[in-house]
N, C-alpha and C. Protein backbone atom coordinates (compact mmCIF):
# COMPACT_ATOMS: atom_id res chain seq x y z
N UNK A 1 18.73 -33.06 89.37
CA UNK A 1 20.02 -32.93 88.75
C UNK A 1 20.30 -34.20 87.96
N UNK A 2 20.86 -34.02 86.76
CA UNK A 2 21.05 -35.17 85.90
C UNK A 2 22.49 -35.31 85.47
N UNK A 3 22.83 -36.53 85.10
CA UNK A 3 24.14 -36.86 84.58
C UNK A 3 24.19 -36.42 83.13
N UNK A 4 25.26 -35.75 82.72
CA UNK A 4 25.40 -35.32 81.33
C UNK A 4 25.90 -36.50 80.53
N UNK A 5 25.13 -36.88 79.50
CA UNK A 5 25.47 -38.03 78.67
C UNK A 5 25.71 -37.57 77.23
N UNK A 6 26.71 -38.16 76.55
CA UNK A 6 27.03 -37.71 75.20
C UNK A 6 26.09 -38.23 74.12
N UNK A 7 25.45 -39.37 74.32
CA UNK A 7 24.69 -39.98 73.25
C UNK A 7 23.21 -40.16 73.60
N UNK A 8 22.69 -39.36 74.53
CA UNK A 8 21.29 -39.54 74.91
C UNK A 8 20.34 -38.80 73.99
N UNK A 9 20.87 -37.97 73.09
CA UNK A 9 20.04 -37.25 72.12
C UNK A 9 20.62 -37.42 70.74
N UNK A 10 19.76 -37.33 69.74
CA UNK A 10 20.22 -37.45 68.37
C UNK A 10 20.96 -36.19 67.95
N UNK A 11 21.97 -36.33 67.09
CA UNK A 11 22.67 -35.14 66.61
C UNK A 11 21.78 -34.33 65.68
N UNK A 12 22.03 -33.04 65.62
CA UNK A 12 21.29 -32.15 64.74
C UNK A 12 22.17 -31.87 63.53
N UNK A 13 21.59 -31.91 62.35
CA UNK A 13 22.32 -31.71 61.12
C UNK A 13 22.98 -30.33 61.08
N UNK A 14 24.24 -30.30 60.73
CA UNK A 14 25.02 -29.06 60.58
C UNK A 14 25.00 -28.17 61.82
N UNK A 15 25.03 -28.78 62.99
CA UNK A 15 25.13 -27.99 64.21
C UNK A 15 25.96 -28.74 65.22
N UNK A 16 26.46 -28.01 66.20
CA UNK A 16 27.28 -28.59 67.26
C UNK A 16 27.08 -27.75 68.51
N UNK A 17 27.29 -28.38 69.67
CA UNK A 17 27.11 -27.67 70.94
C UNK A 17 28.32 -27.91 71.84
N UNK A 18 28.79 -26.83 72.44
CA UNK A 18 29.90 -26.89 73.38
C UNK A 18 29.41 -26.37 74.72
N UNK A 19 29.90 -26.98 75.79
CA UNK A 19 29.58 -26.55 77.15
C UNK A 19 30.87 -26.08 77.80
N UNK A 20 30.91 -24.83 78.21
CA UNK A 20 32.05 -24.26 78.93
C UNK A 20 31.71 -24.27 80.41
N UNK A 21 32.51 -24.97 81.20
CA UNK A 21 32.26 -25.09 82.64
C UNK A 21 33.42 -24.46 83.40
N UNK A 22 33.13 -23.47 84.24
CA UNK A 22 34.17 -22.83 85.03
C UNK A 22 33.61 -21.73 85.89
N UNK A 23 34.41 -21.27 86.83
CA UNK A 23 33.95 -20.27 87.79
C UNK A 23 34.12 -18.84 87.30
N UNK A 24 34.94 -18.62 86.28
CA UNK A 24 35.21 -17.27 85.78
C UNK A 24 34.26 -16.95 84.62
N UNK A 25 33.12 -16.38 84.96
CA UNK A 25 32.08 -16.11 83.97
C UNK A 25 32.51 -15.08 82.93
N UNK A 26 33.34 -14.12 83.33
CA UNK A 26 33.80 -13.10 82.38
C UNK A 26 34.64 -13.74 81.27
N UNK A 27 35.56 -14.63 81.64
CA UNK A 27 36.39 -15.28 80.64
C UNK A 27 35.58 -16.27 79.79
N UNK A 28 34.60 -16.91 80.40
CA UNK A 28 33.71 -17.78 79.62
C UNK A 28 33.00 -16.97 78.54
N UNK A 29 32.51 -15.81 78.92
CA UNK A 29 31.79 -14.95 77.98
C UNK A 29 32.72 -14.47 76.87
N UNK A 30 33.94 -14.06 77.23
CA UNK A 30 34.91 -13.60 76.23
C UNK A 30 35.24 -14.72 75.24
N UNK A 31 35.44 -15.92 75.76
CA UNK A 31 35.76 -17.05 74.89
C UNK A 31 34.58 -17.41 74.00
N UNK A 32 33.38 -17.40 74.55
CA UNK A 32 32.18 -17.68 73.76
C UNK A 32 32.03 -16.68 72.62
N UNK A 33 32.25 -15.41 72.91
CA UNK A 33 32.16 -14.39 71.87
C UNK A 33 33.22 -14.60 70.79
N UNK A 34 34.43 -14.97 71.20
CA UNK A 34 35.51 -15.23 70.23
C UNK A 34 35.16 -16.43 69.35
N UNK A 35 34.56 -17.46 69.91
CA UNK A 35 34.16 -18.63 69.13
C UNK A 35 33.09 -18.24 68.12
N UNK A 36 32.12 -17.45 68.55
CA UNK A 36 31.03 -17.04 67.65
C UNK A 36 31.52 -16.15 66.51
N UNK A 37 32.59 -15.40 66.72
CA UNK A 37 33.13 -14.51 65.68
C UNK A 37 33.86 -15.27 64.58
N UNK A 38 34.29 -16.49 64.89
CA UNK A 38 35.06 -17.28 63.92
C UNK A 38 34.17 -17.75 62.77
N UNK A 39 34.77 -17.86 61.60
CA UNK A 39 34.05 -18.35 60.42
C UNK A 39 33.85 -19.85 60.58
N UNK A 40 32.64 -20.30 60.32
CA UNK A 40 32.33 -21.72 60.43
C UNK A 40 31.23 -22.07 59.43
N UNK A 41 31.16 -23.34 59.08
CA UNK A 41 30.13 -23.76 58.12
C UNK A 41 29.05 -24.61 58.78
N UNK A 42 28.87 -24.44 60.08
CA UNK A 42 27.82 -25.13 60.82
C UNK A 42 27.34 -24.22 61.94
N UNK A 43 26.13 -24.51 62.41
CA UNK A 43 25.55 -23.73 63.51
C UNK A 43 26.17 -24.18 64.82
N UNK A 44 26.47 -23.23 65.67
CA UNK A 44 27.09 -23.57 66.95
C UNK A 44 26.23 -23.07 68.11
N UNK A 45 26.07 -23.94 69.10
CA UNK A 45 25.39 -23.58 70.35
C UNK A 45 26.44 -23.59 71.45
N UNK A 46 26.53 -22.50 72.17
CA UNK A 46 27.48 -22.41 73.28
C UNK A 46 26.68 -22.27 74.57
N UNK A 47 26.94 -23.18 75.49
CA UNK A 47 26.31 -23.14 76.79
C UNK A 47 27.40 -22.93 77.84
N UNK A 48 27.08 -22.14 78.85
CA UNK A 48 28.04 -21.91 79.93
C UNK A 48 27.41 -22.32 81.26
N UNK A 49 28.25 -22.85 82.13
CA UNK A 49 27.80 -23.24 83.46
C UNK A 49 28.95 -23.02 84.42
N UNK A 50 28.64 -22.61 85.64
CA UNK A 50 29.69 -22.44 86.63
C UNK A 50 30.10 -23.78 87.21
N UNK A 51 29.17 -24.74 87.22
CA UNK A 51 29.48 -26.08 87.73
C UNK A 51 28.44 -27.06 87.21
N UNK A 52 28.71 -28.32 87.44
CA UNK A 52 27.76 -29.38 87.11
C UNK A 52 27.29 -29.98 88.43
N UNK A 53 26.12 -30.55 88.49
CA UNK A 53 25.25 -30.98 87.42
C UNK A 53 24.40 -29.83 86.86
N UNK A 54 23.93 -30.04 85.64
CA UNK A 54 23.02 -29.08 85.01
C UNK A 54 21.62 -29.33 85.55
N UNK A 55 20.78 -28.31 85.61
CA UNK A 55 19.42 -28.49 86.11
C UNK A 55 18.62 -29.47 85.24
N UNK A 56 17.98 -30.43 85.84
CA UNK A 56 17.24 -31.47 85.12
C UNK A 56 15.98 -30.92 84.44
N UNK A 57 15.40 -29.86 84.99
CA UNK A 57 14.15 -29.35 84.42
C UNK A 57 14.33 -28.75 83.02
N UNK A 58 15.55 -28.42 82.61
CA UNK A 58 15.80 -27.87 81.27
C UNK A 58 16.38 -28.93 80.33
N UNK A 59 16.46 -30.15 80.80
CA UNK A 59 17.09 -31.21 80.02
C UNK A 59 16.36 -31.47 78.70
N UNK A 60 15.06 -31.36 78.68
CA UNK A 60 14.29 -31.64 77.47
C UNK A 60 14.52 -30.61 76.35
N UNK A 61 14.95 -29.39 76.67
CA UNK A 61 15.21 -28.37 75.64
C UNK A 61 16.70 -28.20 75.35
N UNK A 62 17.53 -28.82 76.13
CA UNK A 62 18.98 -28.71 75.94
C UNK A 62 19.39 -29.59 74.76
N UNK A 63 20.18 -29.05 73.82
CA UNK A 63 20.63 -29.89 72.70
C UNK A 63 21.69 -30.88 73.15
N UNK A 64 22.00 -31.82 72.28
CA UNK A 64 23.08 -32.77 72.57
C UNK A 64 24.38 -31.98 72.70
N UNK A 65 25.15 -32.27 73.72
CA UNK A 65 26.42 -31.58 73.94
C UNK A 65 27.52 -32.42 73.31
N UNK A 66 28.28 -31.80 72.41
CA UNK A 66 29.31 -32.52 71.66
C UNK A 66 30.69 -32.41 72.31
N UNK A 67 30.95 -31.33 73.04
CA UNK A 67 32.25 -31.11 73.67
C UNK A 67 32.06 -30.35 74.97
N UNK A 68 32.77 -30.78 76.01
CA UNK A 68 32.77 -30.05 77.28
C UNK A 68 34.18 -29.55 77.52
N UNK A 69 34.32 -28.24 77.72
CA UNK A 69 35.61 -27.64 78.05
C UNK A 69 35.54 -27.14 79.48
N UNK A 70 36.32 -27.78 80.34
CA UNK A 70 36.41 -27.35 81.73
C UNK A 70 37.49 -26.29 81.84
N UNK A 71 37.12 -25.12 82.34
CA UNK A 71 38.06 -24.00 82.45
C UNK A 71 38.59 -23.92 83.88
N UNK A 72 39.91 -24.02 84.00
CA UNK A 72 40.55 -23.95 85.31
C UNK A 72 41.47 -22.74 85.33
N UNK A 73 41.27 -21.85 86.29
CA UNK A 73 42.11 -20.67 86.46
C UNK A 73 43.25 -21.03 87.41
N UNK A 74 44.48 -20.85 86.94
CA UNK A 74 45.66 -21.22 87.74
C UNK A 74 45.79 -20.36 89.00
N UNK A 75 45.11 -19.23 89.08
CA UNK A 75 45.18 -18.37 90.25
C UNK A 75 44.10 -18.70 91.29
N UNK A 76 43.31 -19.75 91.04
CA UNK A 76 42.19 -20.03 91.93
C UNK A 76 42.07 -21.52 92.25
N UNK A 77 42.35 -21.87 93.50
CA UNK A 77 42.16 -23.26 93.92
C UNK A 77 40.68 -23.63 93.88
N UNK A 78 39.82 -22.65 94.12
CA UNK A 78 38.37 -22.88 94.04
C UNK A 78 37.99 -23.35 92.64
N UNK A 79 38.61 -22.78 91.63
CA UNK A 79 38.35 -23.15 90.24
C UNK A 79 38.66 -24.62 90.01
N UNK A 80 39.81 -25.08 90.49
CA UNK A 80 40.20 -26.48 90.34
C UNK A 80 39.25 -27.40 91.12
N UNK A 81 38.92 -27.04 92.35
CA UNK A 81 38.01 -27.86 93.16
C UNK A 81 36.63 -27.95 92.52
N UNK A 82 36.18 -26.85 91.93
CA UNK A 82 34.88 -26.81 91.26
C UNK A 82 34.85 -27.78 90.08
N UNK A 83 35.92 -27.78 89.29
CA UNK A 83 35.99 -28.70 88.15
C UNK A 83 36.06 -30.14 88.63
N UNK A 84 36.87 -30.40 89.65
CA UNK A 84 36.97 -31.76 90.18
C UNK A 84 35.61 -32.27 90.68
N UNK A 85 34.85 -31.41 91.32
CA UNK A 85 33.53 -31.79 91.81
C UNK A 85 32.55 -32.01 90.65
N UNK A 86 32.69 -31.24 89.59
CA UNK A 86 31.78 -31.34 88.44
C UNK A 86 32.02 -32.60 87.62
N UNK A 87 33.23 -33.12 87.65
CA UNK A 87 33.56 -34.28 86.82
C UNK A 87 32.73 -35.52 87.15
N UNK A 88 32.27 -35.63 88.37
CA UNK A 88 31.47 -36.81 88.76
C UNK A 88 30.07 -36.79 88.15
N UNK A 89 29.68 -35.68 87.55
CA UNK A 89 28.34 -35.55 86.96
C UNK A 89 28.35 -35.75 85.45
N UNK A 90 29.41 -36.37 84.96
CA UNK A 90 29.54 -36.63 83.53
C UNK A 90 29.61 -38.12 83.31
N UNK A 91 28.89 -38.59 82.31
CA UNK A 91 28.93 -39.99 81.92
C UNK A 91 30.34 -40.33 81.42
N UNK A 92 30.79 -41.52 81.73
CA UNK A 92 32.15 -41.95 81.38
C UNK A 92 32.41 -41.90 79.87
N UNK A 93 31.38 -42.06 79.06
CA UNK A 93 31.56 -42.02 77.60
C UNK A 93 32.03 -40.66 77.09
N UNK A 94 31.80 -39.61 77.86
CA UNK A 94 32.30 -38.29 77.46
C UNK A 94 33.82 -38.26 77.43
N UNK A 95 34.45 -39.10 78.24
CA UNK A 95 35.90 -39.10 78.32
C UNK A 95 36.54 -39.87 77.17
N UNK A 96 35.74 -40.23 76.18
CA UNK A 96 36.26 -40.85 74.97
C UNK A 96 36.43 -39.77 73.90
N UNK A 97 37.09 -38.69 74.27
CA UNK A 97 37.43 -37.64 73.32
C UNK A 97 36.55 -36.42 73.31
N UNK A 98 35.56 -36.32 74.19
CA UNK A 98 34.63 -35.20 74.16
C UNK A 98 34.79 -34.24 75.34
N UNK A 99 35.93 -34.33 76.03
CA UNK A 99 36.22 -33.45 77.16
C UNK A 99 37.63 -32.91 76.99
N UNK A 100 37.81 -31.63 77.34
CA UNK A 100 39.16 -31.08 77.42
C UNK A 100 39.21 -30.14 78.63
N UNK A 101 40.42 -29.91 79.10
CA UNK A 101 40.65 -29.00 80.20
C UNK A 101 41.36 -27.77 79.64
N UNK A 102 40.78 -26.61 79.85
CA UNK A 102 41.32 -25.35 79.36
C UNK A 102 41.90 -24.61 80.56
N UNK A 103 43.21 -24.49 80.60
CA UNK A 103 43.89 -23.90 81.75
C UNK A 103 44.22 -22.44 81.44
N UNK A 104 43.64 -21.54 82.22
CA UNK A 104 43.84 -20.10 82.00
C UNK A 104 44.75 -19.53 83.08
N UNK A 105 45.24 -18.34 82.82
CA UNK A 105 46.08 -17.66 83.81
C UNK A 105 47.50 -18.17 83.86
N UNK A 106 47.95 -18.85 82.81
CA UNK A 106 49.30 -19.42 82.82
C UNK A 106 50.36 -18.36 82.56
N UNK A 107 49.96 -17.19 82.12
CA UNK A 107 50.93 -16.12 81.85
C UNK A 107 51.45 -15.44 83.10
N UNK A 108 50.79 -15.67 84.22
CA UNK A 108 51.20 -15.06 85.48
C UNK A 108 51.57 -16.16 86.47
N UNK A 109 52.60 -16.92 86.14
CA UNK A 109 52.99 -18.09 86.94
C UNK A 109 53.40 -17.72 88.37
N UNK A 110 53.88 -16.50 88.59
CA UNK A 110 54.29 -16.12 89.95
C UNK A 110 53.08 -15.89 90.87
N UNK A 111 51.87 -15.83 90.29
CA UNK A 111 50.66 -15.65 91.10
C UNK A 111 49.81 -16.92 91.17
N UNK A 112 50.35 -18.05 90.71
CA UNK A 112 49.57 -19.30 90.66
C UNK A 112 49.37 -19.89 92.05
N UNK A 113 48.15 -20.33 92.30
CA UNK A 113 47.87 -21.04 93.55
C UNK A 113 47.53 -22.50 93.27
N UNK A 114 47.49 -22.87 92.00
CA UNK A 114 47.24 -24.25 91.59
C UNK A 114 48.53 -24.82 91.04
N UNK A 115 48.89 -26.01 91.49
CA UNK A 115 50.10 -26.68 91.01
C UNK A 115 49.91 -27.15 89.57
N UNK A 116 50.93 -26.96 88.74
CA UNK A 116 50.89 -27.41 87.36
C UNK A 116 50.70 -28.93 87.28
N UNK A 117 51.34 -29.65 88.20
CA UNK A 117 51.20 -31.10 88.22
C UNK A 117 49.76 -31.53 88.49
N UNK A 118 49.01 -30.74 89.24
CA UNK A 118 47.62 -31.09 89.56
C UNK A 118 46.76 -31.10 88.30
N UNK A 119 46.96 -30.13 87.43
CA UNK A 119 46.16 -30.10 86.20
C UNK A 119 46.63 -31.15 85.21
N UNK A 120 47.92 -31.40 85.17
CA UNK A 120 48.42 -32.47 84.30
C UNK A 120 47.90 -33.83 84.75
N UNK A 121 47.88 -34.06 86.06
CA UNK A 121 47.36 -35.32 86.59
C UNK A 121 45.87 -35.47 86.26
N UNK A 122 45.14 -34.36 86.32
CA UNK A 122 43.72 -34.38 85.99
C UNK A 122 43.53 -34.80 84.54
N UNK A 123 44.32 -34.26 83.63
CA UNK A 123 44.25 -34.64 82.22
C UNK A 123 44.58 -36.11 82.03
N UNK A 124 45.62 -36.59 82.71
CA UNK A 124 45.99 -38.01 82.60
C UNK A 124 44.94 -38.92 83.20
N UNK A 125 44.41 -38.54 84.35
CA UNK A 125 43.41 -39.36 85.02
C UNK A 125 42.16 -39.55 84.17
N UNK A 126 41.74 -38.49 83.49
CA UNK A 126 40.52 -38.54 82.68
C UNK A 126 40.81 -38.72 81.19
N UNK A 127 42.07 -39.01 80.84
CA UNK A 127 42.45 -39.26 79.44
C UNK A 127 41.94 -38.16 78.51
N UNK A 128 42.11 -36.92 78.93
CA UNK A 128 41.61 -35.78 78.18
C UNK A 128 42.71 -34.76 77.97
N UNK A 129 42.69 -34.08 76.81
CA UNK A 129 43.73 -33.09 76.54
C UNK A 129 43.65 -31.88 77.47
N UNK A 130 44.82 -31.33 77.77
CA UNK A 130 44.94 -30.13 78.60
C UNK A 130 45.50 -29.03 77.70
N UNK A 131 44.74 -27.95 77.56
CA UNK A 131 45.16 -26.83 76.72
C UNK A 131 45.48 -25.64 77.62
N UNK A 132 46.67 -25.08 77.45
CA UNK A 132 47.08 -23.93 78.24
C UNK A 132 46.89 -22.66 77.41
N UNK A 133 46.33 -21.63 78.02
CA UNK A 133 46.10 -20.38 77.29
C UNK A 133 46.02 -19.20 78.27
N UNK A 134 46.07 -18.03 77.70
CA UNK A 134 45.93 -16.79 78.47
C UNK A 134 44.82 -15.98 77.80
N UNK A 135 43.62 -16.07 78.32
CA UNK A 135 42.46 -15.47 77.67
C UNK A 135 42.41 -13.95 77.77
N UNK A 136 43.30 -13.34 78.55
CA UNK A 136 43.35 -11.88 78.61
C UNK A 136 43.95 -11.29 77.35
N UNK A 137 44.72 -12.07 76.62
CA UNK A 137 45.33 -11.63 75.37
C UNK A 137 44.40 -11.93 74.21
N UNK A 138 44.06 -10.92 73.43
CA UNK A 138 43.13 -11.07 72.31
C UNK A 138 43.62 -12.11 71.30
N UNK A 139 44.89 -12.09 70.96
CA UNK A 139 45.44 -13.03 69.99
C UNK A 139 45.36 -14.47 70.46
N UNK A 140 45.71 -14.69 71.70
CA UNK A 140 45.66 -16.05 72.25
C UNK A 140 44.21 -16.50 72.42
N UNK A 141 43.32 -15.57 72.77
CA UNK A 141 41.90 -15.91 72.90
C UNK A 141 41.34 -16.35 71.54
N UNK A 142 41.72 -15.66 70.47
CA UNK A 142 41.25 -16.03 69.13
C UNK A 142 41.82 -17.39 68.72
N UNK A 143 43.10 -17.62 69.00
CA UNK A 143 43.72 -18.91 68.68
C UNK A 143 43.06 -20.04 69.47
N UNK A 144 42.75 -19.79 70.73
CA UNK A 144 42.07 -20.79 71.56
C UNK A 144 40.67 -21.06 71.02
N UNK A 145 39.98 -20.02 70.61
CA UNK A 145 38.63 -20.18 70.04
C UNK A 145 38.71 -21.02 68.77
N UNK A 146 39.69 -20.77 67.93
CA UNK A 146 39.85 -21.54 66.70
C UNK A 146 40.13 -23.01 67.01
N UNK A 147 40.97 -23.24 67.99
CA UNK A 147 41.31 -24.61 68.38
C UNK A 147 40.09 -25.34 68.94
N UNK A 148 39.34 -24.69 69.81
CA UNK A 148 38.13 -25.30 70.36
C UNK A 148 37.09 -25.54 69.28
N UNK A 149 36.99 -24.62 68.34
CA UNK A 149 36.03 -24.77 67.24
C UNK A 149 36.37 -25.98 66.38
N UNK A 150 37.65 -26.19 66.12
CA UNK A 150 38.07 -27.37 65.34
C UNK A 150 37.80 -28.65 66.13
N UNK A 151 38.10 -28.63 67.41
CA UNK A 151 37.80 -29.80 68.25
C UNK A 151 36.30 -30.08 68.26
N UNK A 152 35.50 -29.04 68.37
CA UNK A 152 34.04 -29.18 68.38
C UNK A 152 33.55 -29.76 67.06
N UNK A 153 34.12 -29.30 65.99
CA UNK A 153 33.74 -29.80 64.67
C UNK A 153 34.01 -31.31 64.57
N UNK A 154 35.13 -31.75 65.08
CA UNK A 154 35.47 -33.17 65.08
C UNK A 154 34.55 -33.94 66.01
N UNK A 155 34.34 -33.43 67.22
CA UNK A 155 33.49 -34.12 68.21
C UNK A 155 32.05 -34.25 67.75
N UNK A 156 31.59 -33.30 66.95
CA UNK A 156 30.21 -33.34 66.44
C UNK A 156 30.08 -34.25 65.22
N UNK A 157 31.21 -34.76 64.72
CA UNK A 157 31.17 -35.67 63.58
C UNK A 157 31.13 -34.99 62.24
N UNK A 158 31.56 -33.72 62.17
CA UNK A 158 31.53 -32.98 60.91
C UNK A 158 32.80 -33.12 60.08
N UNK A 159 33.75 -33.90 60.55
CA UNK A 159 34.99 -34.13 59.82
C UNK A 159 35.03 -35.61 59.44
N UNK A 160 34.85 -35.91 58.17
CA UNK A 160 34.82 -37.32 57.74
C UNK A 160 36.14 -38.04 58.05
N UNK A 161 36.01 -39.24 58.59
CA UNK A 161 37.18 -40.08 58.84
C UNK A 161 37.93 -39.79 60.13
N UNK A 162 37.47 -38.81 60.91
CA UNK A 162 38.15 -38.49 62.17
C UNK A 162 37.12 -38.51 63.30
N UNK A 163 37.33 -39.37 64.27
CA UNK A 163 36.43 -39.43 65.42
C UNK A 163 37.04 -38.63 66.57
N UNK A 164 36.20 -38.33 67.54
CA UNK A 164 36.66 -37.60 68.73
C UNK A 164 37.72 -38.39 69.48
N UNK A 165 37.53 -39.70 69.59
CA UNK A 165 38.49 -40.55 70.30
C UNK A 165 39.83 -40.59 69.57
N UNK A 166 39.79 -40.71 68.25
CA UNK A 166 41.03 -40.72 67.46
C UNK A 166 41.77 -39.40 67.61
N UNK A 167 41.05 -38.29 67.49
CA UNK A 167 41.66 -36.97 67.61
C UNK A 167 42.25 -36.77 69.00
N UNK A 168 41.52 -37.21 70.03
CA UNK A 168 42.00 -37.08 71.40
C UNK A 168 43.28 -37.89 71.61
N UNK A 169 43.34 -39.09 71.02
CA UNK A 169 44.55 -39.91 71.16
C UNK A 169 45.72 -39.27 70.45
N UNK A 170 45.47 -38.59 69.32
CA UNK A 170 46.56 -37.86 68.64
C UNK A 170 47.08 -36.72 69.50
N UNK A 171 46.15 -35.97 70.11
CA UNK A 171 46.56 -34.86 70.98
C UNK A 171 47.31 -35.37 72.19
N UNK A 172 46.84 -36.46 72.75
CA UNK A 172 47.46 -37.03 73.94
C UNK A 172 48.89 -37.47 73.65
N UNK A 173 49.11 -38.15 72.52
CA UNK A 173 50.44 -38.63 72.22
C UNK A 173 51.39 -37.47 71.91
N UNK A 174 50.88 -36.39 71.33
CA UNK A 174 51.77 -35.25 71.06
C UNK A 174 52.12 -34.50 72.34
N UNK A 175 51.23 -34.52 73.32
CA UNK A 175 51.49 -33.86 74.60
C UNK A 175 52.51 -34.64 75.41
N UNK A 176 52.41 -35.97 75.36
CA UNK A 176 53.29 -36.83 76.17
C UNK A 176 54.73 -36.85 75.69
N UNK A 177 54.97 -36.52 74.42
CA UNK A 177 56.33 -36.61 73.89
C UNK A 177 57.18 -35.42 74.26
């Protein structure tokens, strides 16, 4: 098992890779399909994992990962614990703008088993943006895919003059206000 590092591989021209980490494989697949349907001017690789660490034996064929989106389902404490356990398998440099927390199931707040403060604290602790969405809704899933795609484009360095750290600090300051 290996530590996921952001700069251990060279970037590939006109391509970007996102890693979706979470316990809800159906929603991961739906989001991945929505991202692939979006219009883009670069090649995108989407990898999904239920947890980290990633298997070391496939490390040599795995492309550089530009963005990690941790998916937390508000109806599942297991989902939150899984993400918390996975965070220790990421190099600290990823938290310089290349990680976000995607919180699903927020539309059914009366069925939540995860405290809202717990996910907010997680975002603050790791200096990473927290995005709330409801992936069961097609419109919100498309909007979330578009948002992740733009974040991925920035994290991969395809937007001149904007770094992942700068973009993350902009998102962080808008969330805190």
